Amino acid sequence: MVPCGSREAVVTVISYENGIMSGYLQHPRLDKKEKLQSLSQMVLLLNSLMDLENCPNPPPPFVHPEYNGEEGKEVFRIQILFREHYTLQGKFVWQNEKREFVFHSVLELLQLLDEMLAE
């Protein structure tokens, strides 16, 4: 188990159709927005970012992009609290709807995201 300070990524979904996502991910350890073409790519990127964590040193400061109400875009903040047994636990905030959810595994995170984006 690797507990540490705030590990937060911001995911902006531009499109989601038949389980295929297009968007980008922002994180304090990335120099620029990282393009995403699937939910599995998002999970692999989050996991590789966790590998870069040098606990207990906090990550560099991160300026959160503001949700400006762009039509057709969904914005999520994913906060990873723990990584244990090669899965992630944490919470995510759906910026558009101002709703917050807790997830206990990557599978649960993927199911929640799919349910929300498919609506």
PDB file of N, CA and C in Angstrom:
ATOM      1  N   MET A   1       0.854  -1.169   0.000  1.00  0.00           N
ATOM      2  CA  MET A   1       0.000   0.000   0.000  1.00  0.00           C
ATOM      3  C   MET A   1       0.898   1.230   0.000  1.00  0.00           C
ATOM      4  N   VAL A   2       0.578   2.189  -0.833  1.00  0.00           N
ATOM      5  CA  VAL A   2       1.375   3.398  -0.959  1.00  0.00           C
ATOM      6  C   VAL A   2       0.509   4.612  -0.683  1.00  0.00           C
ATOM      7  N   PRO A   3       0.347   5.033   0.589  1.00  0.00           N
ATOM      8  CA  PRO A   3      -0.393   6.265   0.841  1.00  0.00           C
ATOM      9  C   PRO A   3       0.542   7.453   0.661  1.00  0.00           C
ATOM     10  N   CYS A   4       0.022   8.543   0.220  1.00  0.00           N
ATOM     11  CA  CYS A   4       0.845   9.727   0.040  1.00  0.00           C
ATOM     12  C   CYS A   4      -0.031  10.959   0.011  1.00  0.00           C
ATOM     13  N   GLY A   5       0.551  12.066  -0.357  1.00  0.00           N
ATOM     14  CA  GLY A   5      -0.199  13.300  -0.454  1.00  0.00           C
ATOM     15  C   GLY A   5      -1.195  13.249  -1.589  1.00  0.00           C
ATOM     16  N   SER A   6      -1.740  14.382  -1.911  1.00  0.00           N
ATOM     17  CA  SER A   6      -2.761  14.444  -2.964  1.00  0.00           C
ATOM     18  C   SER A   6      -2.168  14.064  -4.305  1.00  0.00           C
ATOM     19  N   ARG A   7      -2.768  13.104  -4.930  1.00  0.00           N
ATOM     20  CA  ARG A   7      -2.399  12.711  -6.291  1.00  0.00           C
ATOM     21  C   ARG A   7      -3.655  12.908  -7.117  1.00  0.00           C
ATOM     22  N   GLU A   8      -3.667  13.967  -7.855  1.00  0.00           N
ATOM     23  CA  GLU A   8      -4.901  14.306  -8.556  1.00  0.00           C
ATOM     24  C   GLU A   8      -4.624  14.567 -10.023  1.00  0.00           C
ATOM     25  N   ALA A   9      -5.461  13.979 -10.853  1.00  0.00           N
ATOM     26  CA  ALA A   9      -5.410  14.204 -12.292  1.00  0.00           C
ATOM     27  C   ALA A   9      -6.748  14.787 -12.716  1.00  0.00           C
ATOM     28  N   VAL A  10      -6.716  15.577 -13.758  1.00  0.00           N
ATOM     29  CA  VAL A  10      -7.947  16.125 -14.331  1.00  0.00           C
ATOM     30  C   VAL A  10      -8.110  15.515 -15.714  1.00  0.00           C
ATOM     31  N   VAL A  11      -9.261  14.871 -15.912  1.00  0.00           N
ATOM     32  CA  VAL A  11      -9.565  14.233 -17.185  1.00  0.00           C
ATOM     33  C   VAL A  11     -10.691  15.007 -17.851  1.00  0.00           C
ATOM     34  N   THR A  12     -10.466  15.423 -19.078  1.00  0.00           N
ATOM     35  CA  THR A  12     -11.491  16.092 -19.869  1.00  0.00           C
ATOM     36  C   THR A  12     -11.892  15.150 -21.001  1.00  0.00           C
ATOM     37  N   VAL A  13     -13.168  14.810 -21.028  1.00  0.00           N
ATOM     38  CA  VAL A  13     -13.692  13.905 -22.046  1.00  0.00           C
ATOM     39  C   VAL A  13     -14.355  14.744 -23.134  1.00  0.00           C
ATOM     40  N   ILE A  14     -13.851  14.615 -24.342  1.00  0.00           N
ATOM     41  CA  ILE A  14     -14.401  15.361 -25.466  1.00  0.00           C
ATOM     42  C   ILE A  14     -15.538  14.581 -26.110  1.00  0.00           C
ATOM     43  N   SER A  15     -15.347  13.261 -26.231  1.00  0.00           N
ATOM     44  CA  SER A  15     -16.409  12.430 -26.792  1.00  0.00           C
ATOM     45  C   SER A  15     -16.354  11.042 -26.162  1.00  0.00           C
ATOM     46  N   TYR A  16     -17.516  10.400 -26.126  1.00  0.00           N
ATOM     47  CA  TYR A  16     -17.625   9.040 -25.595  1.00  0.00           C
ATOM     48  C   TYR A  16     -18.764   8.357 -26.314  1.00  0.00           C
ATOM     49  N   GLU A  17     -18.415   7.353 -27.119  1.00  0.00           N
ATOM     50  CA  GLU A  17     -19.432   6.667 -27.894  1.00  0.00           C
ATOM     51  C   GLU A  17     -19.113   5.173 -27.955  1.00  0.00           C
ATOM     52  N   ASN A  18     -20.093   4.357 -27.561  1.00  0.00           N
ATOM     53  CA  ASN A  18     -19.940   2.902 -27.570  1.00  0.00           C
ATOM     54  C   ASN A  18     -18.711   2.439 -26.789  1.00  0.00           C
ATOM     55  N   GLY A  19     -18.450   3.083 -25.666  1.00  0.00           N
ATOM     56  CA  GLY A  19     -17.329   2.699 -24.820  1.00  0.00           C
ATOM     57  C   GLY A  19     -15.985   3.245 -25.259  1.00  0.00           C
ATOM     58  N   ILE A  20     -15.945   4.041 -26.314  1.00  0.00           N
ATOM     59  CA  ILE A  20     -14.694   4.626 -26.810  1.00  0.00           C
ATOM     60  C   ILE A  20     -14.633   6.089 -26.375  1.00  0.00           C
ATOM     61  N   MET A  21     -13.569   6.426 -25.650  1.00  0.00           N
ATOM     62  CA  MET A  21     -13.421   7.773 -25.115  1.00  0.00           C
ATOM     63  C   MET A  21     -12.326   8.527 -25.860  1.00  0.00           C
ATOM     64  N   SER A  22     -12.540   9.816 -26.026  1.00  0.00           N
ATOM     65  CA  SER A  22     -11.528  10.708 -26.567  1.00  0.00           C
ATOM     66  C   SER A  22     -11.441  11.900 -25.628  1.00  0.00           C
ATOM     67  N   GLY A  23     -10.233  12.296 -25.299  1.00  0.00           N
ATOM     68  CA  GLY A  23     -10.057  13.433 -24.407  1.00  0.00           C
ATOM     69  C   GLY A  23      -8.600  13.618 -24.049  1.00  0.00           C
ATOM     70  N   TYR A  24      -8.366  14.188 -22.875  1.00  0.00           N
ATOM     71  CA  TYR A  24      -6.991  14.369 -22.425  1.00  0.00           C
ATOM     72  C   TYR A  24      -6.924  14.364 -20.906  1.00  0.00           C
ATOM     73  N   LEU A  25      -5.704  14.133 -20.403  1.00  0.00           N
ATOM     74  CA  LEU A  25      -5.455  14.061 -18.969  1.00  0.00           C
ATOM     75  C   LEU A  25      -4.384  15.075 -18.613  1.00  0.00           C
ATOM     76  N   GLN A  26      -4.584  15.767 -17.493  1.00  0.00           N
ATOM     77  CA  GLN A  26      -3.595  16.713 -16.970  1.00  0.00           C
ATOM     78  C   GLN A  26      -3.188  16.246 -15.587  1.00  0.00           C
ATOM     79  N   HIS A  27      -1.904  16.382 -15.285  1.00  0.00           N
ATOM     80  CA  HIS A  27      -1.362  15.939 -14.004  1.00  0.00           C
ATOM     81  C   HIS A  27      -0.144  16.797 -13.687  1.00  0.00           C
ATOM     82  N   PRO A  28       0.152  17.031 -12.397  1.00  0.00           N
ATOM     83  CA  PRO A  28       1.287  17.891 -12.052  1.00  0.00           C
ATOM     84  C   PRO A  28       2.625  17.400 -12.602  1.00  0.00           C
ATOM     85  N   ARG A  29       2.774  16.112 -12.821  1.00  0.00           N
ATOM     86  CA  ARG A  29       4.044  15.567 -13.307  1.00  0.00           C
ATOM     87  C   ARG A  29       4.161  15.564 -14.832  1.00  0.00           C
ATOM     88  N   LEU A  30       3.117  15.980 -15.507  1.00  0.00           N
ATOM     89  CA  LEU A  30       3.152  16.042 -16.965  1.00  0.00           C
ATOM     90  C   LEU A  30       3.394  17.479 -17.421  1.00  0.00           C
ATOM     91  N   ASP A  31       4.218  17.637 -18.429  1.00  0.00           N
ATOM     92  CA  ASP A  31       4.513  18.976 -18.952  1.00  0.00           C
ATOM     93  C   ASP A  31       3.345  19.561 -19.727  1.00  0.00           C
ATOM     94  N   LYS A  32       2.555  18.676 -20.333  1.00  0.00           N
ATOM     95  CA  LYS A  32       1.436  19.145 -21.151  1.00  0.00           C
ATOM     96  C   LYS A  32       0.275  18.169 -21.011  1.00  0.00           C
ATOM     97  N   LYS A  33      -0.845  18.522 -21.616  1.00  0.00           N
ATOM     98  CA  LYS A  33      -2.004  17.628 -21.617  1.00  0.00           C
ATOM     99  C   LYS A  33      -1.640  16.363 -22.380  1.00  0.00           C
ATOM    100  N   GLU A  34      -2.022  15.225 -21.830  1.00  0.00           N
ATOM    101  CA  GLU A  34      -1.775  13.943 -22.491  1.00  0.00           C
ATOM    102  C   GLU A  34      -3.058  13.475 -23.161  1.00  0.00           C
ATOM    103  N   LYS A  35      -2.998  13.241 -24.456  1.00  0.00           N
ATOM    104  CA  LYS A  35      -4.176  12.823 -25.216  1.00  0.00           C
ATOM    105  C   LYS A  35      -4.580  11.411 -24.808  1.00  0.00           C
ATOM    106  N   LEU A  36      -5.891  11.201 -24.651  1.00  0.00           N
ATOM    107  CA  LEU A  36      -6.437   9.892 -24.311  1.00  0.00           C
ATOM    108  C   LEU A  36      -7.358   9.421 -25.426  1.00  0.00           C
ATOM    109  N   GLN A  37      -7.271   8.112 -25.720  1.00  0.00           N
ATOM    110  CA  GLN A  37      -8.146   7.542 -26.731  1.00  0.00           C
ATOM    111  C   GLN A  37      -8.957   6.377 -26.187  1.00  0.00           C
ATOM    112  N   SER A  38      -8.791   6.088 -24.888  1.00  0.00           N
ATOM    113  CA  SER A  38      -9.575   5.007 -24.287  1.00  0.00           C
ATOM    114  C   SER A  38      -9.494   5.103 -22.757  1.00  0.00           C
ATOM    115  N   LEU A  39     -10.440   4.447 -22.093  1.00  0.00           N
ATOM    116  CA  LEU A  39     -10.412   4.388 -20.634  1.00  0.00           C
ATOM    117  C   LEU A  39      -9.215   3.569 -20.157  1.00  0.00           C
ATOM    118  N   SER A  40      -8.869   2.516 -20.881  1.00  0.00           N
ATOM    119  CA  SER A  40      -7.726   1.701 -20.461  1.00  0.00           C
ATOM    120  C   SER A  40      -6.421   2.495 -20.574  1.00  0.00           C
ATOM    121  N   GLN A  41      -6.302   3.332 -21.585  1.00  0.00           N
ATOM    122  CA  GLN A  41      -5.128   4.185 -21.703  1.00  0.00           C
ATOM    123  C   GLN A  41      -5.046   5.147 -20.517  1.00  0.00           C
ATOM    124  N   MET A  42      -6.194   5.663 -20.077  1.00  0.00           N
ATOM    125  CA  MET A  42      -6.234   6.543 -18.914  1.00  0.00           C
ATOM    126  C   MET A  42      -5.713   5.821 -17.674  1.00  0.00           C
ATOM    127  N   VAL A  43      -6.171   4.584 -17.454  1.00  0.00           N
ATOM    128  CA  VAL A  43      -5.752   3.825 -16.277  1.00  0.00           C
ATOM    129  C   VAL A  43      -4.256   3.531 -16.332  1.00  0.00           C
ATOM    130  N   LEU A  44      -3.743   3.134 -17.489  1.00  0.00           N
ATOM    131  CA  LEU A  44      -2.311   2.850 -17.613  1.00  0.00           C
ATOM    132  C   LEU A  44      -1.477   4.106 -17.359  1.00  0.00           C
ATOM    133  N   LEU A  45      -1.936   5.240 -17.840  1.00  0.00           N
ATOM    134  CA  LEU A  45      -1.224   6.493 -17.606  1.00  0.00           C
ATOM    135  C   LEU A  45      -1.253   6.863 -16.127  1.00  0.00           C
ATOM    136  N   LEU A  46      -2.419   6.739 -15.482  1.00  0.00           N
ATOM    137  CA  LEU A  46      -2.499   7.023 -14.040  1.00  0.00           C
ATOM    138  C   LEU A  46      -1.550   6.116 -13.261  1.00  0.00           C
ATOM    139  N   ASN A  47      -1.490   4.845 -13.634  1.00  0.00           N
ATOM    140  CA  ASN A  47      -0.607   3.908 -12.942  1.00  0.00           C
ATOM    141  C   ASN A  47       0.860   4.270 -13.147  1.00  0.00           C
ATOM    142  N   SER A  48       1.222   4.662 -14.356  1.00  0.00           N
ATOM    143  CA  SER A  48       2.619   5.045 -14.588  1.00  0.00           C
ATOM    144  C   SER A  48       2.974   6.330 -13.845  1.00  0.00           C
ATOM    145  N   LEU A  49       1.999   7.234 -13.694  1.00  0.00           N
ATOM    146  CA  LEU A  49       2.246   8.448 -12.907  1.00  0.00           C
ATOM    147  C   LEU A  49       2.444   8.107 -11.430  1.00  0.00           C
ATOM    148  N   MET A  50       1.730   7.088 -10.961  1.00  0.00           N
ATOM    149  CA  MET A  50       1.928   6.645  -9.573  1.00  0.00           C
ATOM    150  C   MET A  50       3.344   6.101  -9.377  1.00  0.00           C
ATOM    151  N   ASP A  51       3.898   5.460 -10.397  1.00  0.00           N
ATOM    152  CA  ASP A  51       5.261   4.948 -10.314  1.00  0.00           C
ATOM    153  C   ASP A  51       6.270   6.071 -10.129  1.00  0.00           C
ATOM    154  N   LEU A  52       5.943   7.264 -10.619  1.00  0.00           N
ATOM    155  CA  LEU A  52       6.848   8.412 -10.504  1.00  0.00           C
ATOM    156  C   LEU A  52       6.814   9.064  -9.124  1.00  0.00           C
ATOM    157  N   GLU A  53       5.786   8.744  -8.331  1.00  0.00           N
ATOM    158  CA  GLU A  53       5.664   9.353  -7.008  1.00  0.00           C
ATOM    159  C   GLU A  53       6.876   9.003  -6.157  1.00  0.00           C
ATOM    160  N   ASN A  54       7.411   9.995  -5.510  1.00  0.00           N
ATOM    161  CA  ASN A  54       8.557   9.800  -4.628  1.00  0.00           C
ATOM    162  C   ASN A  54       8.119  10.165  -3.219  1.00  0.00           C
ATOM    163  N   CYS A  55       7.252   9.350  -2.654  1.00  0.00           N
ATOM    164  CA  CYS A  55       6.725   9.634  -1.330  1.00  0.00           C
ATOM    165  C   CYS A  55       7.850   9.648  -0.328  1.00  0.00           C
ATOM    166  N   PRO A  56       7.837  10.465   0.684  1.00  0.00           N
ATOM    167  CA  PRO A  56       6.775  11.367   1.091  1.00  0.00           C
ATOM    168  C   PRO A  56       6.848  12.751   0.456  1.00  0.00           C
ATOM    169  N   ASN A  57       7.727  12.941  -0.536  1.00  0.00           N
ATOM    170  CA  ASN A  57       7.813  14.255  -1.170  1.00  0.00           C
ATOM    171  C   ASN A  57       6.533  14.561  -1.930  1.00  0.00           C
ATOM    172  N   PRO A  58       5.935  15.724  -1.712  1.00  0.00           N
ATOM    173  CA  PRO A  58       4.696  16.064  -2.417  1.00  0.00           C
ATOM    174  C   PRO A  58       4.981  16.373  -3.880  1.00  0.00           C
ATOM    175  N   PRO A  59       3.976  16.201  -4.737  1.00  0.00           N
ATOM    176  CA  PRO A  59       4.156  16.556  -6.140  1.00  0.00           C
ATOM    177  C   PRO A  59       4.260  18.067  -6.288  1.00  0.00           C
ATOM    178  N   PRO A  60       4.755  18.535  -7.437  1.00  0.00           N
ATOM    179  CA  PRO A  60       4.815  19.983  -7.640  1.00  0.00           C
ATOM    180  C   PRO A  60       3.421  20.587  -7.646  1.00  0.00           C
ATOM    181  N   PRO A  61       3.313  21.904  -7.390  1.00  0.00           N
ATOM    182  CA  PRO A  61       1.990  22.530  -7.364  1.00  0.00           C
ATOM    183  C   PRO A  61       1.272  22.354  -8.698  1.00  0.00           C
ATOM    184  N   PHE A  62      -0.031  22.213  -8.617  1.00  0.00           N
ATOM    185  CA  PHE A  62      -0.850  21.961  -9.803  1.00  0.00           C
ATOM    186  C   PHE A  62      -1.964  22.975  -9.838  1.00  0.00           C
ATOM    187  N   VAL A  63      -2.071  23.683 -10.937  1.00  0.00           N
ATOM    188  CA  VAL A  63      -3.160  24.639 -11.118  1.00  0.00           C
ATOM    189  C   VAL A  63      -4.283  23.907 -11.829  1.00  0.00           C
ATOM    190  N   HIS A  64      -5.424  23.769 -11.146  1.00  0.00           N
ATOM    191  CA  HIS A  64      -6.552  23.049 -11.721  1.00  0.00           C
ATOM    192  C   HIS A  64      -7.210  23.871 -12.810  1.00  0.00           C
ATOM    193  N   PRO A  65      -7.434  23.240 -13.963  1.00  0.00           N
ATOM    194  CA  PRO A  65      -8.171  23.966 -14.997  1.00  0.00           C
ATOM    195  C   PRO A  65      -9.609  24.186 -14.538  1.00  0.00           C
ATOM    196  N   GLU A  66     -10.107  25.333 -14.807  1.00  0.00           N
ATOM    197  CA  GLU A  66     -11.479  25.644 -14.430  1.00  0.00           C
ATOM    198  C   GLU A  66     -12.433  25.085 -15.473  1.00  0.00           C
ATOM    199  N   TYR A  67     -13.528  24.514 -15.001  1.00  0.00           N
ATOM    200  CA  TYR A  67     -14.562  24.061 -15.926  1.00  0.00           C
ATOM    201  C   TYR A  67     -15.309  25.298 -16.390  1.00  0.00           C
ATOM    202  N   ASN A  68     -15.268  25.535 -17.690  1.00  0.00           N
ATOM    203  CA  ASN A  68     -15.890  26.749 -18.205  1.00  0.00           C
ATOM    204  C   ASN A  68     -17.186  26.474 -18.946  1.00  0.00           C
ATOM    205  N   GLY A  69     -17.763  25.307 -18.731  1.00  0.00           N
ATOM    206  CA  GLY A  69     -19.063  25.024 -19.308  1.00  0.00           C
ATOM    207  C   GLY A  69     -19.053  24.751 -20.796  1.00  0.00           C
ATOM    208  N   GLU A  70     -17.913  24.322 -21.334  1.00  0.00           N
ATOM    209  CA  GLU A  70     -17.864  24.015 -22.761  1.00  0.00           C
ATOM    210  C   GLU A  70     -18.822  22.873 -23.062  1.00  0.00           C
ATOM    211  N   GLU A  71     -19.684  23.102 -24.012  1.00  0.00           N
ATOM    212  CA  GLU A  71     -20.685  22.098 -24.343  1.00  0.00           C
ATOM    213  C   GLU A  71     -20.028  20.858 -24.940  1.00  0.00           C
ATOM    214  N   GLY A  72     -20.509  19.698 -24.515  1.00  0.00           N
ATOM    215  CA  GLY A  72     -20.005  18.445 -25.045  1.00  0.00           C
ATOM    216  C   GLY A  72     -18.778  17.923 -24.347  1.00  0.00           C
ATOM    217  N   LYS A  73     -18.269  18.639 -23.368  1.00  0.00           N
ATOM    218  CA  LYS A  73     -17.076  18.189 -22.657  1.00  0.00           C
ATOM    219  C   LYS A  73     -17.438  17.880 -21.211  1.00  0.00           C
ATOM    220  N   GLU A  74     -16.963  16.742 -20.733  1.00  0.00           N
ATOM    221  CA  GLU A  74     -17.149  16.357 -19.338  1.00  0.00           C
ATOM    222  C   GLU A  74     -15.788  16.433 -18.654  1.00  0.00           C
ATOM    223  N   VAL A  75     -15.745  16.981 -17.447  1.00  0.00           N
ATOM    224  CA  VAL A  75     -14.493  17.148 -16.727  1.00  0.00           C
ATOM    225  C   VAL A  75     -14.590  16.416 -15.397  1.00  0.00           C
ATOM    226  N   PHE A  76     -13.566  15.567 -15.138  1.00  0.00           N
ATOM    227  CA  PHE A  76     -13.486  14.792 -13.901  1.00  0.00           C
ATOM    228  C   PHE A  76     -12.157  15.056 -13.218  1.00  0.00           C
ATOM    229  N   ARG A  77     -12.182  15.184 -11.913  1.00  0.00           N
ATOM    230  CA  ARG A  77     -10.960  15.209 -11.112  1.00  0.00           C
ATOM    231  C   ARG A  77     -10.838  13.842 -10.450  1.00  0.00           C
ATOM    232  N   ILE A  78      -9.759  13.141 -10.705  1.00  0.00           N
ATOM    233  CA  ILE A  78      -9.531  11.821 -10.123  1.00  0.00           C
ATOM    234  C   ILE A  78      -8.437  11.961  -9.079  1.00  0.00           C
ATOM    235  N   GLN A  79      -8.788  11.670  -7.834  1.00  0.00           N
ATOM    236  CA  GLN A  79      -7.849  11.752  -6.716  1.00  0.00           C
ATOM    237  C   GLN A  79      -7.512  10.337  -6.271  1.00  0.00           C
ATOM    238  N   ILE A  80      -6.259   9.962  -6.456  1.00  0.00           N
ATOM    239  CA  ILE A  80      -5.818   8.628  -6.063  1.00  0.00           C
ATOM    240  C   ILE A  80      -5.293   8.713  -4.644  1.00  0.00           C
ATOM    241  N   LEU A  81      -5.934   7.979  -3.748  1.00  0.00           N
ATOM    242  CA  LEU A  81      -5.543   7.993  -2.343  1.00  0.00           C
ATOM    243  C   LEU A  81      -4.572   6.863  -2.020  1.00  0.00           C
ATOM    244  N   PHE A  82      -4.780   5.691  -2.633  1.00  0.00           N
ATOM    245  CA  PHE A  82      -3.925   4.539  -2.380  1.00  0.00           C
ATOM    246  C   PHE A  82      -3.760   3.718  -3.643  1.00  0.00           C
ATOM    247  N   ARG A  83      -2.652   3.013  -3.707  1.00  0.00           N
ATOM    248  CA  ARG A  83      -2.468   1.982  -4.723  1.00  0.00           C
ATOM    249  C   ARG A  83      -2.017   0.731  -3.976  1.00  0.00           C
ATOM    250  N   GLU A  84      -2.827  -0.287  -4.053  1.00  0.00           N
ATOM    251  CA  GLU A  84      -2.550  -1.525  -3.330  1.00  0.00           C
ATOM    252  C   GLU A  84      -2.895  -2.701  -4.233  1.00  0.00           C
ATOM    253  N   HIS A  85      -2.012  -3.698  -4.281  1.00  0.00           N
ATOM    254  CA  HIS A  85      -2.230  -4.890  -5.100  1.00  0.00           C
ATOM    255  C   HIS A  85      -2.523  -4.523  -6.554  1.00  0.00           C
ATOM    256  N   TYR A  86      -1.761  -3.574  -7.091  1.00  0.00           N
ATOM    257  CA  TYR A  86      -1.858  -3.155  -8.482  1.00  0.00           C
ATOM    258  C   TYR A  86      -3.237  -2.608  -8.865  1.00  0.00           C
ATOM    259  N   THR A  87      -3.939  -2.045  -7.913  1.00  0.00           N
ATOM    260  CA  THR A  87      -5.173  -1.351  -8.246  1.00  0.00           C
ATOM    261  C   THR A  87      -5.205  -0.036  -7.481  1.00  0.00           C
ATOM    262  N   LEU A  88      -6.066   0.865  -7.904  1.00  0.00           N
ATOM    263  CA  LEU A  88      -6.132   2.209  -7.334  1.00  0.00           C
ATOM    264  C   LEU A  88      -7.404   2.372  -6.515  1.00  0.00           C
ATOM    265  N   GLN A  89      -7.299   3.128  -5.441  1.00  0.00           N
ATOM    266  CA  GLN A  89      -8.458   3.499  -4.645  1.00  0.00           C
ATOM    267  C   GLN A  89      -8.428   5.016  -4.490  1.00  0.00           C
ATOM    268  N   GLY A  90      -9.611   5.605  -4.493  1.00  0.00           N
ATOM    269  CA  GLY A  90      -9.666   7.046  -4.337  1.00  0.00           C
ATOM    270  C   GLY A  90     -11.060   7.580  -4.561  1.00  0.00           C
ATOM    271  N   LYS A  91     -11.116   8.792  -5.051  1.00  0.00           N
ATOM    272  CA  LYS A  91     -12.418   9.393  -5.342  1.00  0.00           C
ATOM    273  C   LYS A  91     -12.282  10.228  -6.600  1.00  0.00           C
ATOM    274  N   PHE A  92     -13.414  10.451  -7.214  1.00  0.00           N
ATOM    275  CA  PHE A  92     -13.393  11.371  -8.337  1.00  0.00           C
ATOM    276  C   PHE A  92     -14.588  12.294  -8.253  1.00  0.00           C
ATOM    277  N   VAL A  93     -14.377  13.460  -8.782  1.00  0.00           N
ATOM    278  CA  VAL A  93     -15.388  14.514  -8.740  1.00  0.00           C
ATOM    279  C   VAL A  93     -15.775  14.821 -10.183  1.00  0.00           C
ATOM    280  N   TRP A  94     -17.057  14.737 -10.444  1.00  0.00           N
ATOM    281  CA  TRP A  94     -17.599  15.078 -11.763  1.00  0.00           C
ATOM    282  C   TRP A  94     -17.878  16.571 -11.722  1.00  0.00           C
ATOM    283  N   GLN A  95     -16.983  17.353 -12.326  1.00  0.00           N
ATOM    284  CA  GLN A  95     -17.057  18.808 -12.256  1.00  0.00           C
ATOM    285  C   GLN A  95     -18.372  19.345 -12.823  1.00  0.00           C
ATOM    286  N   ASN A  96     -18.827  18.795 -13.950  1.00  0.00           N
ATOM    287  CA  ASN A  96     -20.018  19.313 -14.622  1.00  0.00           C
ATOM    288  C   ASN A  96     -21.247  19.218 -13.726  1.00  0.00           C
ATOM    289  N   GLU A  97     -21.372  18.105 -13.019  1.00  0.00           N
ATOM    290  CA  GLU A  97     -22.562  17.841 -12.208  1.00  0.00           C
ATOM    291  C   GLU A  97     -22.347  18.114 -10.719  1.00  0.00           C
ATOM    292  N   LYS A  98     -21.114  18.476 -10.367  1.00  0.00           N
ATOM    293  CA  LYS A  98     -20.763  18.723  -8.961  1.00  0.00           C
ATOM    294  C   LYS A  98     -21.135  17.527  -8.083  1.00  0.00           C
ATOM    295  N   ARG A  99     -20.757  16.339  -8.554  1.00  0.00           N
ATOM    296  CA  ARG A  99     -21.008  15.096  -7.820  1.00  0.00           C
ATOM    297  C   ARG A  99     -19.682  14.428  -7.522  1.00  0.00           C
ATOM    298  N   GLU A 100     -19.619  13.734  -6.389  1.00  0.00           N
ATOM    299  CA  GLU A 100     -18.395  13.090  -5.945  1.00  0.00           C
ATOM    300  C   GLU A 100     -18.660  11.607  -5.691  1.00  0.00           C
ATOM    301  N   PHE A 101     -17.717  10.762  -6.096  1.00  0.00           N
ATOM    302  CA  PHE A 101     -17.850   9.323  -5.942  1.00  0.00           C
ATOM    303  C   PHE A 101     -16.552   8.744  -5.395  1.00  0.00           C
ATOM    304  N   VAL A 102     -16.668   7.669  -4.628  1.00  0.00           N
ATOM    305  CA  VAL A 102     -15.508   6.944  -4.118  1.00  0.00           C
ATOM    306  C   VAL A 102     -15.399   5.654  -4.906  1.00  0.00           C
ATOM    307  N   PHE A 103     -14.162   5.270  -5.257  1.00  0.00           N
ATOM    308  CA  PHE A 103     -13.952   3.985  -5.923  1.00  0.00           C
ATOM    309  C   PHE A 103     -12.917   3.183  -5.146  1.00  0.00           C
ATOM    310  N   HIS A 104     -13.118   1.870  -5.126  1.00  0.00           N
ATOM    311  CA  HIS A 104     -12.251   0.974  -4.362  1.00  0.00           C
ATOM    312  C   HIS A 104     -11.375   0.112  -5.247  1.00  0.00           C
ATOM    313  N   SER A 105     -11.548   0.237  -6.560  1.00  0.00           N
ATOM    314  CA  SER A 105     -10.728  -0.510  -7.514  1.00  0.00           C
ATOM    315  C   SER A 105     -10.816   0.178  -8.869  1.00  0.00           C
ATOM    316  N   VAL A 106      -9.895  -0.185  -9.742  1.00  0.00           N
ATOM    317  CA  VAL A 106      -9.911   0.365 -11.093  1.00  0.00           C
ATOM    318  C   VAL A 106     -11.179  -0.075 -11.819  1.00  0.00           C
ATOM    319  N   LEU A 107     -11.579  -1.318 -11.601  1.00  0.00           N
ATOM    320  CA  LEU A 107     -12.794  -1.811 -12.253  1.00  0.00           C
ATOM    321  C   LEU A 107     -14.010  -0.981 -11.846  1.00  0.00           C
ATOM    322  N   GLU A 108     -14.108  -0.671 -10.567  1.00  0.00           N
ATOM    323  CA  GLU A 108     -15.226   0.153 -10.093  1.00  0.00           C
ATOM    324  C   GLU A 108     -15.161   1.550 -10.711  1.00  0.00           C
ATOM    325  N   LEU A 109     -13.971   2.123 -10.809  1.00  0.00           N
ATOM    326  CA  LEU A 109     -13.803   3.432 -11.444  1.00  0.00           C
ATOM    327  C   LEU A 109     -14.256   3.386 -12.900  1.00  0.00           C
ATOM    328  N   LEU A 110     -13.849   2.353 -13.631  1.00  0.00           N
ATOM    329  CA  LEU A 110     -14.234   2.232 -15.036  1.00  0.00           C
ATOM    330  C   LEU A 110     -15.736   2.066 -15.194  1.00  0.00           C
ATOM    331  N   GLN A 111     -16.357   1.271 -14.320  1.00  0.00           N
ATOM    332  CA  GLN A 111     -17.796   1.092 -14.394  1.00  0.00           C
ATOM    333  C   GLN A 111     -18.541   2.396 -14.135  1.00  0.00           C
ATOM    334  N   LEU A 112     -18.114   3.136 -13.125  1.00  0.00           N
ATOM    335  CA  LEU A 112     -18.766   4.413 -12.814  1.00  0.00           C
ATOM    336  C   LEU A 112     -18.618   5.404 -13.959  1.00  0.00           C
ATOM    337  N   LEU A 113     -17.396   5.512 -14.501  1.00  0.00           N
ATOM    338  CA  LEU A 113     -17.176   6.430 -15.618  1.00  0.00           C
ATOM    339  C   LEU A 113     -18.026   6.037 -16.828  1.00  0.00           C
ATOM    340  N   ASP A 114     -18.079   4.746 -17.124  1.00  0.00           N
ATOM    341  CA  ASP A 114     -18.869   4.292 -18.271  1.00  0.00           C
ATOM    342  C   ASP A 114     -20.345   4.618 -18.070  1.00  0.00           C
ATOM    343  N   GLU A 115     -20.878   4.383 -16.866  1.00  0.00           N
ATOM    344  CA  GLU A 115     -22.277   4.699 -16.596  1.00  0.00           C
ATOM    345  C   GLU A 115     -22.567   6.185 -16.780  1.00  0.00           C
ATOM    346  N   MET A 116     -21.677   7.026 -16.278  1.00  0.00           N
ATOM    347  CA  MET A 116     -21.893   8.472 -16.353  1.00  0.00           C
ATOM    348  C   MET A 116     -21.768   8.994 -17.775  1.00  0.00           C
ATOM    349  N   LEU A 117     -20.756   8.518 -18.484  1.00  0.00           N
ATOM    350  CA  LEU A 117     -20.517   9.031 -19.834  1.00  0.00           C
ATOM    351  C   LEU A 117     -21.522   8.496 -20.836  1.00  0.00           C
ATOM    352  N   ALA A 118     -22.099   7.328 -20.564  1.00  0.00           N
ATOM    353  CA  ALA A 118     -23.070   6.748 -21.478  1.00  0.00           C
ATOM    354  C   ALA A 118     -24.424   7.422 -21.386  1.00  0.00           C
ATOM    355  N   GLU A 119     -24.670   8.174 -20.298  1.00  0.00           N
ATOM    356  CA  GLU A 119     -25.967   8.845 -20.119  1.00  0.00           C
ATOM    357  C   GLU A 119     -26.210   9.890 -21.190  1.00  0.00           C
TER     358      GLU A 119
END
